[in-house]
Amino acid sequence: QVHFVESGGGLVQIGGSLRLSCAASGFTAMYAMSWYRQVPGKERELVAALATVGDSRTDYADSVKGRFTISGDNAKNTVYLQMNNLKPEDTAVYYCNAITDMGHFWGQGTQVTVSS
C-alpha cells in the first residue's frame, strides 16, 4: 500500500505564499506526482503535475500558471507545490496524487484557506 505524508497547508492572507509537500512510500517505481484541489460541491481539479521519469515535464492549470510551481526530489519521493500570490479562489483541500507501479493513489488532503 502506498503511504503519503502531506504537509504545508494552512491559513494565509491574500497575496501570501504557502509551500505544500507530499512524501510517498510503499512502491517500487514512481511515474508521476500531481496536486489536485477540491472545494465542496465541485469536482476535484488538477492543479499541477510533474513527471518523475523521463524529461520531468510539468503541467499546470491555467488558473495557477505564473503563481504556482511544482517540483520534486526523486531521492526522497517527495513533491512540492510552491504557491505564491494566493487568491481567495485558491481556497480548497489540496490532494497529492501518485502514479506508481502499484497503481494510482491519493493522499489524505491538506486544507488551504486564503482570506482577506
Protein backbone atom coordinates (compact mmCIF):
# COMPACT_ATOMS: atom_id res chain seq x y z
CA GLN A 1 0.00 0.00 0.00
CA VAL A 2 1.29 3.45 -0.94
CA HIS A 3 1.56 5.81 2.03
CA PHE A 4 1.58 9.61 1.89
CA VAL A 5 2.67 12.32 4.29
CA GLU A 6 1.26 15.69 3.25
CA SER A 7 2.07 18.96 4.96
CA GLY A 8 2.17 22.72 4.46
CA GLY A 9 -1.47 23.70 4.31
CA GLY A 10 -2.99 26.42 6.45
CA LEU A 11 -4.49 29.88 6.58
CA VAL A 12 -2.86 32.68 4.61
CA GLN A 13 -3.83 36.19 3.59
CA ILE A 14 -4.49 37.28 0.02
CA GLY A 15 -1.19 37.67 -1.80
CA GLY A 16 0.63 35.39 0.59
CA SER A 17 2.53 32.17 -0.05
CA LEU A 18 2.45 28.56 1.09
CA ARG A 19 4.51 25.51 0.24
CA LEU A 20 2.89 22.11 0.23
CA SER A 21 4.90 18.92 0.40
CA CYS A 22 3.98 15.31 -0.16
CA ALA A 23 6.25 12.37 0.60
CA ALA A 24 5.25 8.99 -0.77
CA SER A 25 6.42 5.49 0.10
CA GLY A 26 5.48 1.85 -0.37
CA PHE A 27 6.10 1.43 -4.08
CA THR A 28 8.91 0.35 -6.37
CA ALA A 29 8.63 2.82 -9.23
CA MET A 30 7.06 6.29 -9.43
CA TYR A 31 5.98 7.71 -12.77
CA ALA A 32 4.27 10.99 -11.90
CA MET A 33 3.11 13.05 -8.96
CA SER A 34 0.48 15.72 -9.04
CA TRP A 35 -1.51 18.11 -6.90
CA TYR A 36 -5.28 18.37 -7.21
CA ARG A 37 -7.72 20.52 -5.28
CA GLN A 38 -11.38 20.32 -4.44
CA VAL A 39 -13.99 22.61 -2.94
CA PRO A 40 -17.37 21.42 -1.64
CA GLY A 41 -19.86 20.79 -4.41
CA LYS A 42 -17.28 20.81 -7.18
CA GLU A 43 -15.21 18.16 -8.91
CA ARG A 44 -11.60 17.63 -7.98
CA GLU A 45 -9.39 19.53 -10.42
CA LEU A 46 -5.78 19.19 -11.47
CA VAL A 47 -3.56 22.00 -10.21
CA ALA A 48 -0.09 20.87 -11.28
CA ALA A 49 1.62 17.69 -12.40
CA LEU A 50 5.21 16.51 -12.57
CA ALA A 51 6.59 13.56 -14.50
CA THR A 52 9.12 11.84 -12.24
CA VAL A 53 10.67 9.90 -15.10
CA GLY A 54 11.95 11.00 -18.48
CA ASP A 55 12.10 14.74 -19.11
CA SER A 56 10.39 15.75 -15.81
CA ARG A 57 7.70 17.57 -17.74
CA THR A 58 5.36 19.79 -15.77
CA ASP A 59 1.78 20.83 -16.42
CA TYR A 60 -0.36 23.49 -14.75
CA ALA A 61 -3.97 24.57 -14.64
CA ASP A 62 -4.41 27.90 -16.41
CA SER A 63 -5.67 29.46 -13.19
CA VAL A 64 -2.35 28.92 -11.40
CA LYS A 65 0.20 29.44 -14.17
CA GLY A 66 2.79 32.01 -13.17
CA ARG A 67 1.86 31.72 -9.47
CA PHE A 68 2.38 28.05 -8.55
CA THR A 69 5.46 25.90 -9.12
CA ILE A 70 5.63 22.13 -8.78
CA SER A 71 8.97 20.46 -8.11
CA GLY A 72 10.23 17.14 -6.89
CA ASP A 73 13.01 15.32 -5.11
CA ASN A 74 13.19 11.82 -6.60
CA ALA A 75 15.65 10.64 -3.95
CA LYS A 76 13.05 11.43 -1.29
CA ASN A 77 9.98 10.51 -3.39
CA THR A 78 8.65 13.93 -2.49
CA VAL A 79 6.79 16.53 -4.50
CA TYR A 80 6.37 20.18 -3.56
CA LEU A 81 3.93 22.87 -4.59
CA GLN A 82 5.10 26.43 -4.08
CA MET A 83 2.06 28.70 -4.14
CA ASN A 84 2.60 32.45 -4.45
CA ASN A 85 0.25 35.40 -4.78
CA LEU A 86 -2.57 33.34 -3.36
CA LYS A 87 -6.16 34.34 -4.08
CA PRO A 88 -9.44 33.54 -2.29
CA GLU A 89 -10.38 31.22 -5.16
CA ASP A 90 -7.36 29.07 -4.31
CA THR A 91 -9.11 28.04 -1.10
CA ALA A 92 -9.62 24.27 -1.25
CA VAL A 93 -8.47 20.94 0.05
CA TYR A 94 -5.31 20.05 -1.84
CA TYR A 95 -4.62 16.38 -2.58
CA CYS A 96 -1.38 14.72 -3.58
CA ASN A 97 -1.66 12.07 -6.28
CA ALA A 98 0.89 9.48 -7.35
CA ILE A 99 1.04 7.15 -10.32
CA THR A 100 3.25 4.21 -9.41
CA ASP A 101 3.97 0.66 -10.48
CA MET A 102 1.33 -0.38 -7.95
CA GLY A 103 -1.36 1.87 -9.36
CA HIS A 104 -2.91 5.29 -8.85
CA PHE A 105 -3.13 6.64 -5.27
CA TRP A 106 -4.36 9.70 -3.35
CA GLY A 107 -3.09 11.42 -0.25
CA GLN A 108 -5.40 12.41 2.61
CA GLY A 109 -5.54 16.09 1.63
CA THR A 110 -4.48 19.32 3.29
CA GLN A 111 -6.64 22.42 3.69
CA VAL A 112 -5.54 25.73 2.19
CA THR A 113 -7.57 28.79 3.13
CA VAL A 114 -6.91 32.23 1.66
CA SER A 115 -8.60 35.06 3.49
CA SER A 116 -8.67 38.83 3.42
